[in-house]
Amino acid sequence: MVEFVDSAHTPRNLLLRARLTGAEPTARQHEEYRELVRQWQVTPRLATLLAES
């Protein structure tokens, strides 16, 4: 993650960059994802699309 506006101004202003590696996510990565979703109270669109397929 890259913070492009100081979190003092907006805690959600992050730029997410990803790269497909083919590696399976670890249990820790799954937990970090669930915690961010819970904290931000969001349902990522990609998660919705993946659940539909």
N, C-alpha and C. Protein backbone atom coordinates (compact mmCIF):
# COMPACT_ATOMS: atom_id res chain seq x y z
N MET A 1 0.84 -1.17 0.00
CA MET A 1 0.00 0.00 0.00
C MET A 1 0.88 1.24 0.00
N VAL A 2 0.40 2.24 -0.65
CA VAL A 2 1.11 3.51 -0.73
C VAL A 2 0.16 4.60 -0.26
N GLU A 3 0.58 5.34 0.74
CA GLU A 3 -0.24 6.43 1.25
C GLU A 3 0.07 7.67 0.43
N PHE A 4 -0.95 8.22 -0.26
CA PHE A 4 -0.68 9.40 -1.07
C PHE A 4 -1.26 10.68 -0.51
N VAL A 5 -2.01 10.61 0.56
CA VAL A 5 -2.43 11.78 1.34
C VAL A 5 -2.30 11.37 2.79
N ASP A 6 -1.69 12.21 3.58
CA ASP A 6 -1.46 11.89 4.98
C ASP A 6 -2.73 11.42 5.66
N SER A 7 -2.63 10.37 6.46
CA SER A 7 -3.81 9.80 7.13
C SER A 7 -4.45 10.77 8.12
N ALA A 8 -3.75 11.84 8.49
CA ALA A 8 -4.36 12.85 9.35
C ALA A 8 -5.51 13.54 8.62
N HIS A 9 -5.46 13.55 7.29
CA HIS A 9 -6.50 14.20 6.49
C HIS A 9 -7.61 13.23 6.11
N THR A 10 -7.25 12.02 5.76
CA THR A 10 -8.26 11.00 5.41
C THR A 10 -7.66 9.62 5.59
N PRO A 11 -8.19 8.81 6.49
CA PRO A 11 -7.60 7.50 6.77
C PRO A 11 -7.79 6.48 5.65
N ARG A 12 -8.65 6.75 4.68
CA ARG A 12 -8.90 5.78 3.63
C ARG A 12 -8.20 6.12 2.32
N ASN A 13 -7.40 7.13 2.30
CA ASN A 13 -6.80 7.59 1.06
C ASN A 13 -5.50 6.82 0.79
N LEU A 14 -5.64 5.56 0.36
CA LEU A 14 -4.50 4.72 0.06
C LEU A 14 -4.58 4.26 -1.38
N LEU A 15 -3.44 4.15 -2.01
CA LEU A 15 -3.36 3.61 -3.35
C LEU A 15 -2.89 2.18 -3.21
N LEU A 16 -3.69 1.24 -3.68
CA LEU A 16 -3.33 -0.17 -3.59
C LEU A 16 -2.75 -0.61 -4.93
N ARG A 17 -1.59 -1.21 -4.86
CA ARG A 17 -0.97 -1.75 -6.06
C ARG A 17 -0.78 -3.25 -5.84
N ALA A 18 -1.07 -4.02 -6.86
CA ALA A 18 -0.95 -5.47 -6.73
C ALA A 18 -0.24 -6.04 -7.95
N ARG A 19 0.29 -7.23 -7.74
CA ARG A 19 0.96 -7.94 -8.82
C ARG A 19 0.57 -9.41 -8.71
N LEU A 20 0.10 -9.99 -9.80
CA LEU A 20 -0.29 -11.39 -9.81
C LEU A 20 0.96 -12.25 -9.82
N THR A 21 1.10 -13.10 -8.79
CA THR A 21 2.27 -13.96 -8.69
C THR A 21 1.91 -15.44 -8.79
N GLY A 22 0.63 -15.76 -8.58
CA GLY A 22 0.22 -17.15 -8.58
C GLY A 22 0.37 -17.81 -7.22
N ALA A 23 0.95 -17.10 -6.26
CA ALA A 23 1.14 -17.65 -4.91
C ALA A 23 -0.18 -17.62 -4.15
N GLU A 24 -0.42 -18.63 -3.34
CA GLU A 24 -1.60 -18.66 -2.49
C GLU A 24 -1.42 -17.70 -1.31
N PRO A 25 -2.48 -16.98 -0.91
CA PRO A 25 -2.36 -16.08 0.24
C PRO A 25 -2.17 -16.87 1.53
N THR A 26 -1.41 -16.29 2.44
CA THR A 26 -1.18 -16.93 3.74
C THR A 26 -2.37 -16.67 4.65
N ALA A 27 -2.44 -17.40 5.74
CA ALA A 27 -3.49 -17.19 6.74
C ALA A 27 -3.42 -15.76 7.28
N ARG A 28 -2.21 -15.26 7.47
CA ARG A 28 -2.04 -13.88 7.98
C ARG A 28 -2.58 -12.87 6.98
N GLN A 29 -2.34 -13.08 5.70
CA GLN A 29 -2.84 -12.16 4.68
C GLN A 29 -4.37 -12.18 4.64
N HIS A 30 -4.96 -13.36 4.78
CA HIS A 30 -6.43 -13.46 4.84
C HIS A 30 -6.96 -12.67 6.03
N GLU A 31 -6.32 -12.81 7.18
CA GLU A 31 -6.76 -12.11 8.38
C GLU A 31 -6.60 -10.60 8.23
N GLU A 32 -5.50 -10.14 7.66
CA GLU A 32 -5.30 -8.71 7.43
C GLU A 32 -6.40 -8.15 6.53
N TYR A 33 -6.75 -8.89 5.49
CA TYR A 33 -7.82 -8.48 4.58
C TYR A 33 -9.15 -8.36 5.32
N ARG A 34 -9.49 -9.40 6.08
CA ARG A 34 -10.76 -9.37 6.83
C ARG A 34 -10.79 -8.22 7.82
N GLU A 35 -9.66 -7.93 8.45
CA GLU A 35 -9.61 -6.84 9.42
C GLU A 35 -9.79 -5.48 8.73
N LEU A 36 -9.16 -5.27 7.58
CA LEU A 36 -9.35 -4.01 6.85
C LEU A 36 -10.81 -3.84 6.41
N VAL A 37 -11.41 -4.90 5.89
CA VAL A 37 -12.81 -4.84 5.47
C VAL A 37 -13.71 -4.51 6.66
N ARG A 38 -13.41 -5.12 7.80
CA ARG A 38 -14.20 -4.85 9.00
C ARG A 38 -14.02 -3.40 9.48
N GLN A 39 -12.78 -2.94 9.53
CA GLN A 39 -12.50 -1.59 10.01
C GLN A 39 -13.13 -0.54 9.09
N TRP A 40 -13.01 -0.73 7.81
CA TRP A 40 -13.50 0.26 6.85
C TRP A 40 -14.98 0.09 6.55
N GLN A 41 -15.56 -1.03 7.01
CA GLN A 41 -16.99 -1.31 6.80
C GLN A 41 -17.35 -1.21 5.32
N VAL A 42 -16.59 -1.96 4.50
CA VAL A 42 -16.81 -1.97 3.05
C VAL A 42 -16.96 -3.40 2.55
N THR A 43 -17.53 -3.52 1.38
CA THR A 43 -17.54 -4.79 0.65
C THR A 43 -16.86 -4.50 -0.69
N PRO A 44 -15.60 -4.92 -0.84
CA PRO A 44 -14.89 -4.65 -2.08
C PRO A 44 -15.62 -5.24 -3.29
N ARG A 45 -15.69 -4.49 -4.36
CA ARG A 45 -16.38 -4.94 -5.57
C ARG A 45 -15.78 -6.23 -6.10
N LEU A 46 -14.46 -6.36 -6.05
CA LEU A 46 -13.82 -7.57 -6.54
C LEU A 46 -14.28 -8.78 -5.74
N ALA A 47 -14.44 -8.64 -4.43
CA ALA A 47 -14.93 -9.75 -3.61
C ALA A 47 -16.32 -10.15 -4.02
N THR A 48 -17.16 -9.18 -4.33
CA THR A 48 -18.53 -9.45 -4.78
C THR A 48 -18.51 -10.21 -6.11
N LEU A 49 -17.69 -9.75 -7.04
CA LEU A 49 -17.62 -10.39 -8.35
C LEU A 49 -17.08 -11.83 -8.24
N LEU A 50 -16.08 -12.03 -7.40
CA LEU A 50 -15.53 -13.36 -7.24
C LEU A 50 -16.52 -14.32 -6.58
N ALA A 51 -17.33 -13.81 -5.66
CA ALA A 51 -18.33 -14.63 -4.99
C ALA A 51 -19.42 -15.06 -5.96
N GLU A 52 -19.70 -14.22 -6.97
CA GLU A 52 -20.75 -14.53 -7.95
C GLU A 52 -20.30 -15.60 -8.94
N SER A 53 -19.00 -15.73 -9.15
CA SER A 53 -18.53 -16.69 -10.17
C SER A 53 -18.27 -18.07 -9.62
